[in-house]
Amino acid sequence: MYRAGWVHRRVSPRPRGGRLARVSPRESPSRPSAPHPTRFRRKAGRDKRLIENGSVGHTECSVAEGSFVSPRRPVSRADPRPDRWQEAFRACEREAETLAAGRSSGSFNRAPTEGAWSVGQCLDHLLEAGQPLVALLETALAAAPAAAPGAEPRLGLRDRLFVWAVQPHHWLTMPSPGAYRPSDETLDPERTLRAFAALQDDLAACADAAAGRDWSAVRVASPASRFVRLSAGGWLEGTLQHQRRHLRQARRAREAAGG
């Protein structure tokens, strides 16, 4: 039993403040009080807005093994291993071949809607973004020190933020830099596929060069902006997720174009 006495308790309807109130012996001061209605309404409204904006919960990326997108906690759980990068780049190459298989030049260059990209433009964008990066990665990986025995390099904070932003199922959309904009001219399907296959060969070779090296110790500036600097492994993982994102976009463009 608690003795009667004066305790400080919030009895005002305002969110903050309070006054002294007499507590009877039958009323326990340790009894949890109900949440304030004003605070409850504020929290409910905030959660509702977050849910409507798609900012609550985790979204699993089925196309990225072991990767999760969390808008509240932008940390990627990608698996940055050179052998995985090689396999994944080959898988993207096969996906591009499937998207362009049996397509005429007209359907390959047909955008689903006004302002959207066609299958050819999605692949051309990946070429524009990936080809200037290959030479920089080759130079950086050649200068990377050997990895310590038993230690695996890890993605840094900037690397994880970048990977988080370019993942396939991410809700964030960003305009492409002018240097990476796809061509408005008619693209030849076979020539585009050959160029994309050559790019994947180069990226797979970079992934092979990263094996046994501390790729987190070397930084590479973006060809589009010197202010964006990631580790060599961050660029490989980011390029992989970026390719998956636009291959998914190309798949939607093909379906919208009737096939």
C-alpha atoms as a PDB file:
ATOM      1  CA  MET A   1       0.000   0.000   0.000  1.00  0.00           C
ATOM      2  CA  TYR A   2       1.191   3.512  -0.788  1.00  0.00           C
ATOM      3  CA  ARG A   3       0.641   6.273   1.681  1.00  0.00           C
ATOM      4  CA  ALA A   4      -1.397   9.267   0.716  1.00  0.00           C
ATOM      5  CA  GLY A   5       0.685  12.287  -0.130  1.00  0.00           C
ATOM      6  CA  TRP A   6       1.565  14.920  -2.662  1.00  0.00           C
ATOM      7  CA  VAL A   7       3.236  13.757  -5.834  1.00  0.00           C
ATOM      8  CA  HIS A   8       4.046  15.532  -9.064  1.00  0.00           C
ATOM      9  CA  ARG A   9       1.826  14.099 -11.751  1.00  0.00           C
ATOM     10  CA  ARG A  10       0.821  15.336 -15.197  1.00  0.00           C
ATOM     11  CA  VAL A  11      -2.836  16.149 -15.031  1.00  0.00           C
ATOM     12  CA  SER A  12      -2.855  19.008 -17.512  1.00  0.00           C
ATOM     13  CA  PRO A  13      -4.202  18.264 -21.027  1.00  0.00           C
ATOM     14  CA  ARG A  14      -1.128  19.987 -22.417  1.00  0.00           C
ATOM     15  CA  PRO A  15       1.687  17.741 -23.734  1.00  0.00           C
ATOM     16  CA  ARG A  16       4.114  19.245 -21.234  1.00  0.00           C
ATOM     17  CA  GLY A  17       3.795  20.644 -17.763  1.00  0.00           C
ATOM     18  CA  GLY A  18       1.920  19.490 -14.703  1.00  0.00           C
ATOM     19  CA  ARG A  19       0.917  20.392 -11.186  1.00  0.00           C
ATOM     20  CA  LEU A  20       0.761  18.870  -7.760  1.00  0.00           C
ATOM     21  CA  ALA A  21      -2.187  16.552  -7.271  1.00  0.00           C
ATOM     22  CA  ARG A  22      -3.480  14.781  -4.214  1.00  0.00           C
ATOM     23  CA  VAL A  23      -3.217  10.996  -4.480  1.00  0.00           C
ATOM     24  CA  SER A  24      -5.466   8.829  -2.381  1.00  0.00           C
ATOM     25  CA  PRO A  25      -4.179   5.634  -0.736  1.00  0.00           C
ATOM     26  CA  ARG A  26      -6.153   3.607  -3.266  1.00  0.00           C
ATOM     27  CA  GLU A  27      -4.371   5.175  -6.248  1.00  0.00           C
ATOM     28  CA  SER A  28      -0.908   3.852  -6.892  1.00  0.00           C
ATOM     29  CA  PRO A  29       1.516   6.492  -8.248  1.00  0.00           C
ATOM     30  CA  SER A  30       3.494   3.726  -9.953  1.00  0.00           C
ATOM     31  CA  ARG A  31       0.535   2.718 -12.082  1.00  0.00           C
ATOM     32  CA  PRO A  32       1.341   3.479 -15.743  1.00  0.00           C
ATOM     33  CA  SER A  33      -0.781   6.256 -17.122  1.00  0.00           C
ATOM     34  CA  ALA A  34      -2.475   6.129 -20.504  1.00  0.00           C
ATOM     35  CA  PRO A  35      -0.648   7.823 -23.386  1.00  0.00           C
ATOM     36  CA  HIS A  36      -1.510  11.421 -23.845  1.00  0.00           C
ATOM     37  CA  PRO A  37      -4.133  11.773 -26.612  1.00  0.00           C
ATOM     38  CA  THR A  38      -2.309  14.649 -28.284  1.00  0.00           C
ATOM     39  CA  ARG A  39       0.956  12.731 -28.400  1.00  0.00           C
ATOM     40  CA  PHE A  40      -0.820   9.636 -29.637  1.00  0.00           C
ATOM     41  CA  ARG A  41      -2.460  11.538 -32.483  1.00  0.00           C
ATOM     42  CA  ARG A  42       0.838  13.141 -33.464  1.00  0.00           C
ATOM     43  CA  LYS A  43       2.637   9.796 -33.544  1.00  0.00           C
ATOM     44  CA  ALA A  44      -0.198   8.121 -35.450  1.00  0.00           C
ATOM     45  CA  GLY A  45      -0.198  10.892 -38.040  1.00  0.00           C
ATOM     46  CA  ARG A  46       3.584  10.684 -38.441  1.00  0.00           C
ATOM     47  CA  ASP A  47       3.494   6.908 -38.876  1.00  0.00           C
ATOM     48  CA  LYS A  48       0.668   7.215 -41.390  1.00  0.00           C
ATOM     49  CA  ARG A  49       2.661   9.688 -43.468  1.00  0.00           C
ATOM     50  CA  LEU A  50       5.729   7.442 -43.342  1.00  0.00           C
ATOM     51  CA  ILE A  51       3.701   4.457 -44.480  1.00  0.00           C
ATOM     52  CA  GLU A  52       2.095   6.414 -47.321  1.00  0.00           C
ATOM     53  CA  ASN A  53       5.516   7.647 -48.440  1.00  0.00           C
ATOM     54  CA  GLY A  54       6.952   4.148 -48.349  1.00  0.00           C
ATOM     55  CA  SER A  55       9.391   4.987 -45.561  1.00  0.00           C
ATOM     56  CA  VAL A  56       8.528   2.246 -43.084  1.00  0.00           C
ATOM     57  CA  GLY A  57       9.814  -1.285 -43.001  1.00  0.00           C
ATOM     58  CA  HIS A  58      12.363  -3.269 -44.967  1.00  0.00           C
ATOM     59  CA  THR A  59      12.029  -4.096 -48.637  1.00  0.00           C
ATOM     60  CA  GLU A  60      13.783  -7.264 -49.709  1.00  0.00           C
ATOM     61  CA  CYS A  61      15.580  -7.173 -53.039  1.00  0.00           C
ATOM     62  CA  SER A  62      14.941 -10.527 -54.613  1.00  0.00           C
ATOM     63  CA  VAL A  63      17.435  -9.836 -57.397  1.00  0.00           C
ATOM     64  CA  ALA A  64      20.240  -8.956 -55.002  1.00  0.00           C
ATOM     65  CA  GLU A  65      21.316 -11.859 -52.854  1.00  0.00           C
ATOM     66  CA  GLY A  66      21.544 -10.906 -49.208  1.00  0.00           C
ATOM     67  CA  SER A  67      20.601  -7.283 -49.866  1.00  0.00           C
ATOM     68  CA  PHE A  68      17.963  -5.320 -48.053  1.00  0.00           C
ATOM     69  CA  VAL A  69      16.734  -1.771 -48.496  1.00  0.00           C
ATOM     70  CA  SER A  70      15.894   0.139 -45.347  1.00  0.00           C
ATOM     71  CA  PRO A  71      14.938   3.796 -45.850  1.00  0.00           C
ATOM     72  CA  ARG A  72      15.382   4.442 -42.115  1.00  0.00           C
ATOM     73  CA  ARG A  73      18.754   2.709 -41.948  1.00  0.00           C
ATOM     74  CA  PRO A  74      20.570   3.085 -45.286  1.00  0.00           C
ATOM     75  CA  VAL A  75      23.050   0.246 -44.849  1.00  0.00           C
ATOM     76  CA  SER A  76      23.394  -2.354 -47.554  1.00  0.00           C
ATOM     77  CA  ARG A  77      23.907  -5.992 -46.620  1.00  0.00           C
ATOM     78  CA  ALA A  78      25.380  -6.876 -49.972  1.00  0.00           C
ATOM     79  CA  ASP A  79      27.960  -9.625 -50.232  1.00  0.00           C
ATOM     80  CA  PRO A  80      31.064  -7.954 -51.702  1.00  0.00           C
ATOM     81  CA  ARG A  81      33.075 -10.958 -52.870  1.00  0.00           C
ATOM     82  CA  PRO A  82      35.043 -11.021 -56.147  1.00  0.00           C
ATOM     83  CA  ASP A  83      33.762 -14.475 -57.132  1.00  0.00           C
ATOM     84  CA  ARG A  84      30.179 -13.321 -56.624  1.00  0.00           C
ATOM     85  CA  TRP A  85      30.834 -10.200 -58.715  1.00  0.00           C
ATOM     86  CA  GLN A  86      32.103 -12.290 -61.616  1.00  0.00           C
ATOM     87  CA  GLU A  87      29.066 -14.565 -61.581  1.00  0.00           C
ATOM     88  CA  ALA A  88      26.665 -11.641 -61.213  1.00  0.00           C
ATOM     89  CA  PHE A  89      28.135  -9.680 -64.132  1.00  0.00           C
ATOM     90  CA  ARG A  90      27.779 -12.777 -66.327  1.00  0.00           C
ATOM     91  CA  ALA A  91      24.173 -13.127 -65.181  1.00  0.00           C
ATOM     92  CA  CYS A  92      23.495  -9.515 -66.208  1.00  0.00           C
ATOM     93  CA  GLU A  93      25.013 -10.251 -69.612  1.00  0.00           C
ATOM     94  CA  ARG A  94      22.658 -13.194 -70.079  1.00  0.00           C
ATOM     95  CA  GLU A  95      19.725 -11.056 -68.986  1.00  0.00           C
ATOM     96  CA  ALA A  96      20.590  -8.420 -71.598  1.00  0.00           C
ATOM     97  CA  GLU A  97      20.785 -11.089 -74.299  1.00  0.00           C
ATOM     98  CA  THR A  98      17.349 -12.361 -73.287  1.00  0.00           C
ATOM     99  CA  LEU A  99      15.854  -8.874 -73.421  1.00  0.00           C
ATOM    100  CA  ALA A 100      17.242  -8.202 -76.901  1.00  0.00           C
ATOM    101  CA  ALA A 101      16.638 -11.672 -78.341  1.00  0.00           C
ATOM    102  CA  GLY A 102      14.353 -11.647 -81.354  1.00  0.00           C
ATOM    103  CA  ARG A 103      13.826  -7.895 -81.212  1.00  0.00           C
ATOM    104  CA  SER A 104      13.733  -5.838 -84.351  1.00  0.00           C
ATOM    105  CA  SER A 105      15.471  -2.497 -84.474  1.00  0.00           C
ATOM    106  CA  GLY A 106      12.116  -0.760 -84.124  1.00  0.00           C
ATOM    107  CA  SER A 107      11.006  -2.619 -81.002  1.00  0.00           C
ATOM    108  CA  PHE A 108      14.516  -2.407 -79.512  1.00  0.00           C
ATOM    109  CA  ASN A 109      14.336   1.402 -79.750  1.00  0.00           C
ATOM    110  CA  ARG A 110      10.643   1.848 -78.933  1.00  0.00           C
ATOM    111  CA  ALA A 111      10.014   3.621 -75.635  1.00  0.00           C
ATOM    112  CA  PRO A 112       6.927   2.448 -73.715  1.00  0.00           C
ATOM    113  CA  THR A 113       5.781   6.007 -72.941  1.00  0.00           C
ATOM    114  CA  GLU A 114       6.811   9.551 -73.720  1.00  0.00           C
ATOM    115  CA  GLY A 115      10.019  10.370 -71.859  1.00  0.00           C
ATOM    116  CA  ALA A 116      10.708   6.763 -70.837  1.00  0.00           C
ATOM    117  CA  TRP A 117      13.681   4.729 -72.014  1.00  0.00           C
ATOM    118  CA  SER A 118      13.557   1.884 -74.486  1.00  0.00           C
ATOM    119  CA  VAL A 119      15.391  -1.413 -74.048  1.00  0.00           C
ATOM    120  CA  GLY A 120      18.220  -0.083 -76.202  1.00  0.00           C
ATOM    121  CA  GLN A 121      18.490   3.147 -74.221  1.00  0.00           C
ATOM    122  CA  CYS A 122      18.678   1.260 -70.914  1.00  0.00           C
ATOM    123  CA  LEU A 123      21.608  -0.782 -72.225  1.00  0.00           C
ATOM    124  CA  ASP A 124      23.237   2.272 -73.782  1.00  0.00           C
ATOM    125  CA  HIS A 125      23.005   4.081 -70.441  1.00  0.00           C
ATOM    126  CA  LEU A 126      24.812   1.194 -68.740  1.00  0.00           C
ATOM    127  CA  LEU A 127      27.525   1.388 -71.393  1.00  0.00           C
ATOM    128  CA  GLU A 128      27.953   5.138 -70.919  1.00  0.00           C
ATOM    129  CA  ALA A 129      28.238   4.705 -67.146  1.00  0.00           C
ATOM    130  CA  GLY A 130      30.427   1.599 -67.116  1.00  0.00           C
ATOM    131  CA  GLN A 131      32.974   2.036 -69.901  1.00  0.00           C
ATOM    132  CA  PRO A 132      34.755   5.144 -68.483  1.00  0.00           C
ATOM    133  CA  LEU A 133      34.961   3.456 -65.084  1.00  0.00           C
ATOM    134  CA  VAL A 134      36.787   0.315 -66.197  1.00  0.00           C
ATOM    135  CA  ALA A 135      40.180   1.930 -66.827  1.00  0.00           C
ATOM    136  CA  LEU A 136      40.043   3.705 -63.454  1.00  0.00           C
ATOM    137  CA  LEU A 137      39.252   0.456 -61.658  1.00  0.00           C
ATOM    138  CA  GLU A 138      42.063  -1.395 -63.419  1.00  0.00           C
ATOM    139  CA  THR A 139      44.588   1.237 -62.318  1.00  0.00           C
ATOM    140  CA  ALA A 140      43.301   1.328 -58.744  1.00  0.00           C
ATOM    141  CA  LEU A 141      43.206  -2.446 -58.294  1.00  0.00           C
ATOM    142  CA  ALA A 142      46.726  -2.801 -59.661  1.00  0.00           C
ATOM    143  CA  ALA A 143      47.898  -0.463 -56.880  1.00  0.00           C
ATOM    144  CA  ALA A 144      45.776  -2.052 -54.133  1.00  0.00           C
ATOM    145  CA  PRO A 145      47.728  -3.773 -51.352  1.00  0.00           C
ATOM    146  CA  ALA A 146      47.335  -7.442 -50.621  1.00  0.00           C
ATOM    147  CA  ALA A 147      44.559  -8.310 -48.214  1.00  0.00           C
ATOM    148  CA  ALA A 148      45.569  -9.314 -44.705  1.00  0.00           C
ATOM    149  CA  PRO A 149      45.386 -13.061 -44.042  1.00  0.00           C
ATOM    150  CA  GLY A 150      41.979 -14.019 -42.722  1.00  0.00           C
ATOM    151  CA  ALA A 151      40.571 -10.506 -43.184  1.00  0.00           C
ATOM    152  CA  GLU A 152      37.980  -9.619 -45.781  1.00  0.00           C
ATOM    153  CA  PRO A 153      37.654  -6.050 -47.098  1.00  0.00           C
ATOM    154  CA  ARG A 154      34.403  -4.335 -46.227  1.00  0.00           C
ATOM    155  CA  LEU A 155      32.326  -1.624 -47.841  1.00  0.00           C
ATOM    156  CA  GLY A 156      32.675   1.788 -46.230  1.00  0.00           C
ATOM    157  CA  LEU A 157      29.828   4.091 -45.299  1.00  0.00           C
ATOM    158  CA  ARG A 158      29.922   6.002 -48.591  1.00  0.00           C
ATOM    159  CA  ASP A 159      30.042   2.732 -50.502  1.00  0.00           C
ATOM    160  CA  ARG A 160      26.989   1.409 -48.675  1.00  0.00           C
ATOM    161  CA  LEU A 161      25.044   4.628 -49.155  1.00  0.00           C
ATOM    162  CA  PHE A 162      25.743   4.553 -52.887  1.00  0.00           C
ATOM    163  CA  VAL A 163      24.807   0.878 -53.202  1.00  0.00           C
ATOM    164  CA  TRP A 164      21.659   1.540 -51.172  1.00  0.00           C
ATOM    165  CA  ALA A 165      20.650   4.356 -53.543  1.00  0.00           C
ATOM    166  CA  VAL A 166      21.079   2.419 -56.811  1.00  0.00           C
ATOM    167  CA  GLN A 167      19.581  -0.934 -55.833  1.00  0.00           C
ATOM    168  CA  PRO A 168      16.876  -2.291 -58.164  1.00  0.00           C
ATOM    169  CA  HIS A 169      13.862  -1.958 -55.882  1.00  0.00           C
ATOM    170  CA  HIS A 170      14.810   1.353 -54.351  1.00  0.00           C
ATOM    171  CA  TRP A 171      12.119   4.043 -54.279  1.00  0.00           C
ATOM    172  CA  LEU A 172      14.653   6.840 -54.828  1.00  0.00           C
ATOM    173  CA  THR A 173      14.908   8.186 -58.373  1.00  0.00           C
ATOM    174  CA  MET A 174      17.700  10.478 -59.505  1.00  0.00           C
ATOM    175  CA  PRO A 175      18.327  12.170 -62.846  1.00  0.00           C
ATOM    176  CA  SER A 176      21.240  10.711 -64.765  1.00  0.00           C
ATOM    177  CA  PRO A 177      24.282  12.947 -65.280  1.00  0.00           C
ATOM    178  CA  GLY A 178      24.496  14.476 -68.730  1.00  0.00           C
ATOM    179  CA  ALA A 179      27.515  12.348 -69.618  1.00  0.00           C
ATOM    180  CA  TYR A 180      25.514   9.189 -68.909  1.00  0.00           C
ATOM    181  CA  ARG A 181      22.391  10.073 -70.845  1.00  0.00           C
ATOM    182  CA  PRO A 182      21.554   7.440 -73.486  1.00  0.00           C
ATOM    183  CA  SER A 183      21.634   8.269 -77.155  1.00  0.00           C
ATOM    184  CA  ASP A 184      18.497   9.510 -78.890  1.00  0.00           C
ATOM    185  CA  GLU A 185      19.641   7.975 -82.162  1.00  0.00           C
ATOM    186  CA  THR A 186      18.544   4.574 -83.421  1.00  0.00           C
ATOM    187  CA  LEU A 187      20.607   1.869 -81.717  1.00  0.00           C
ATOM    188  CA  ASP A 188      21.592  -1.353 -83.451  1.00  0.00           C
ATOM    189  CA  PRO A 189      20.636  -4.348 -81.241  1.00  0.00           C
ATOM    190  CA  GLU A 190      23.586  -6.563 -82.222  1.00  0.00           C
ATOM    191  CA  ARG A 191      26.176  -3.812 -81.899  1.00  0.00           C
ATOM    192  CA  THR A 192      24.779  -2.740 -78.519  1.00  0.00           C
ATOM    193  CA  LEU A 193      24.837  -6.317 -77.238  1.00  0.00           C
ATOM    194  CA  ARG A 194      28.438  -6.822 -78.378  1.00  0.00           C
ATOM    195  CA  ALA A 195      29.498  -3.650 -76.591  1.00  0.00           C
ATOM    196  CA  PHE A 196      27.655  -4.703 -73.442  1.00  0.00           C
ATOM    197  CA  ALA A 197      29.268  -8.160 -73.527  1.00  0.00           C
ATOM    198  CA  ALA A 198      32.704  -6.519 -73.824  1.00  0.00           C
ATOM    199  CA  LEU A 199      31.891  -4.307 -70.841  1.00  0.00           C
ATOM    200  CA  GLN A 200      30.927  -7.340 -68.783  1.00  0.00           C
ATOM    201  CA  ASP A 201      34.211  -9.024 -69.747  1.00  0.00           C
ATOM    202  CA  ASP A 202      36.116  -5.999 -68.461  1.00  0.00           C
ATOM    203  CA  LEU A 203      34.111  -5.821 -65.227  1.00  0.00           C
ATOM    204  CA  ALA A 204      34.569  -9.546 -64.610  1.00  0.00           C
ATOM    205  CA  ALA A 205      38.321  -9.068 -65.140  1.00  0.00           C
ATOM    206  CA  CYS A 206      38.290  -6.244 -62.578  1.00  0.00           C
ATOM    207  CA  ALA A 207      36.475  -8.508 -60.132  1.00  0.00           C
ATOM    208  CA  ASP A 208      39.114 -11.175 -60.709  1.00  0.00           C
ATOM    209  CA  ALA A 209      41.867  -8.615 -60.086  1.00  0.00           C
ATOM    210  CA  ALA A 210      40.199  -7.683 -56.781  1.00  0.00           C
ATOM    211  CA  ALA A 211      40.585 -11.222 -55.432  1.00  0.00           C
ATOM    212  CA  GLY A 212      43.226 -11.358 -52.722  1.00  0.00           C
ATOM    213  CA  ARG A 213      43.595  -7.573 -52.593  1.00  0.00           C
ATOM    214  CA  ASP A 214      42.354  -4.985 -50.137  1.00  0.00           C
ATOM    215  CA  TRP A 215      40.040  -3.221 -52.567  1.00  0.00           C
ATOM    216  CA  SER A 216      38.699  -1.054 -49.738  1.00  0.00           C
ATOM    217  CA  ALA A 217      42.090   0.681 -49.395  1.00  0.00           C
ATOM    218  CA  VAL A 218      42.006   2.388 -52.810  1.00  0.00           C
ATOM    219  CA  ARG A 219      39.611   5.174 -53.761  1.00  0.00           C
ATOM    220  CA  VAL A 220      38.325   5.966 -57.230  1.00  0.00           C
ATOM    221  CA  ALA A 221      36.663   9.222 -58.246  1.00  0.00           C
ATOM    222  CA  SER A 222      33.571   9.068 -60.410  1.00  0.00           C
ATOM    223  CA  PRO A 223      34.170   9.880 -64.087  1.00  0.00           C
ATOM    224  CA  ALA A 224      31.131  12.164 -63.884  1.00  0.00           C
ATOM    225  CA  SER A 225      32.079  14.032 -60.693  1.00  0.00           C
ATOM    226  CA  ARG A 226      35.350  14.211 -58.801  1.00  0.00           C
ATOM    227  CA  PHE A 227      33.389  14.792 -55.589  1.00  0.00           C
ATOM    228  CA  VAL A 228      32.032  11.221 -55.632  1.00  0.00           C
ATOM    229  CA  ARG A 229      34.799   8.926 -54.412  1.00  0.00           C
ATOM    230  CA  LEU A 230      34.233   5.271 -53.564  1.00  0.00           C
ATOM    231  CA  SER A 231      36.456   2.298 -52.943  1.00  0.00           C
ATOM    232  CA  ALA A 232      37.175  -0.015 -55.857  1.00  0.00           C
ATOM    233  CA  GLY A 233      34.891  -2.624 -54.324  1.00  0.00           C
ATOM    234  CA  GLY A 234      32.208  -0.022 -53.767  1.00  0.00           C
ATOM    235  CA  TRP A 235      32.227   0.774 -57.478  1.00  0.00           C
ATOM    236  CA  LEU A 236      32.042  -2.900 -58.434  1.00  0.00           C
ATOM    237  CA  GLU A 237      29.104  -3.533 -56.111  1.00  0.00           C
ATOM    238  CA  GLY A 238      27.426  -0.257 -57.091  1.00  0.00           C
ATOM    239  CA  THR A 239      27.869  -0.981 -60.808  1.00  0.00           C
ATOM    240  CA  LEU A 240      26.339  -4.414 -60.336  1.00  0.00           C
ATOM    241  CA  GLN A 241      23.284  -3.046 -58.528  1.00  0.00           C
ATOM    242  CA  HIS A 242      22.996  -0.231 -61.073  1.00  0.00           C
ATOM    243  CA  GLN A 243      22.943  -2.756 -63.914  1.00  0.00           C
ATOM    244  CA  ARG A 244      20.284  -4.821 -62.183  1.00  0.00           C
ATOM    245  CA  ARG A 245      18.178  -1.728 -61.709  1.00  0.00           C
ATOM    246  CA  HIS A 246      18.199  -0.717 -65.375  1.00  0.00           C
ATOM    247  CA  LEU A 247      17.843  -4.272 -66.648  1.00  0.00           C
ATOM    248  CA  ARG A 248      14.683  -4.410 -64.578  1.00  0.00           C
ATOM    249  CA  GLN A 249      13.624  -1.143 -66.221  1.00  0.00           C
ATOM    250  CA  ALA A 250      14.402  -2.621 -69.654  1.00  0.00           C
ATOM    251  CA  ARG A 251      12.287  -5.673 -68.816  1.00  0.00           C
ATOM    252  CA  ARG A 252       9.330  -3.428 -68.023  1.00  0.00           C
ATOM    253  CA  ALA A 253       9.907  -1.505 -71.273  1.00  0.00           C
ATOM    254  CA  ARG A 254       9.874  -4.743 -73.266  1.00  0.00           C
ATOM    255  CA  GLU A 255       6.671  -5.925 -71.586  1.00  0.00           C
ATOM    256  CA  ALA A 256       5.002  -2.572 -72.213  1.00  0.00           C
ATOM    257  CA  ALA A 257       6.049  -2.731 -75.871  1.00  0.00           C
ATOM    258  CA  GLY A 258       4.296  -6.059 -76.251  1.00  0.00           C
ATOM    259  CA  GLY A 259       6.753  -8.782 -75.645  1.00  0.00           C
END
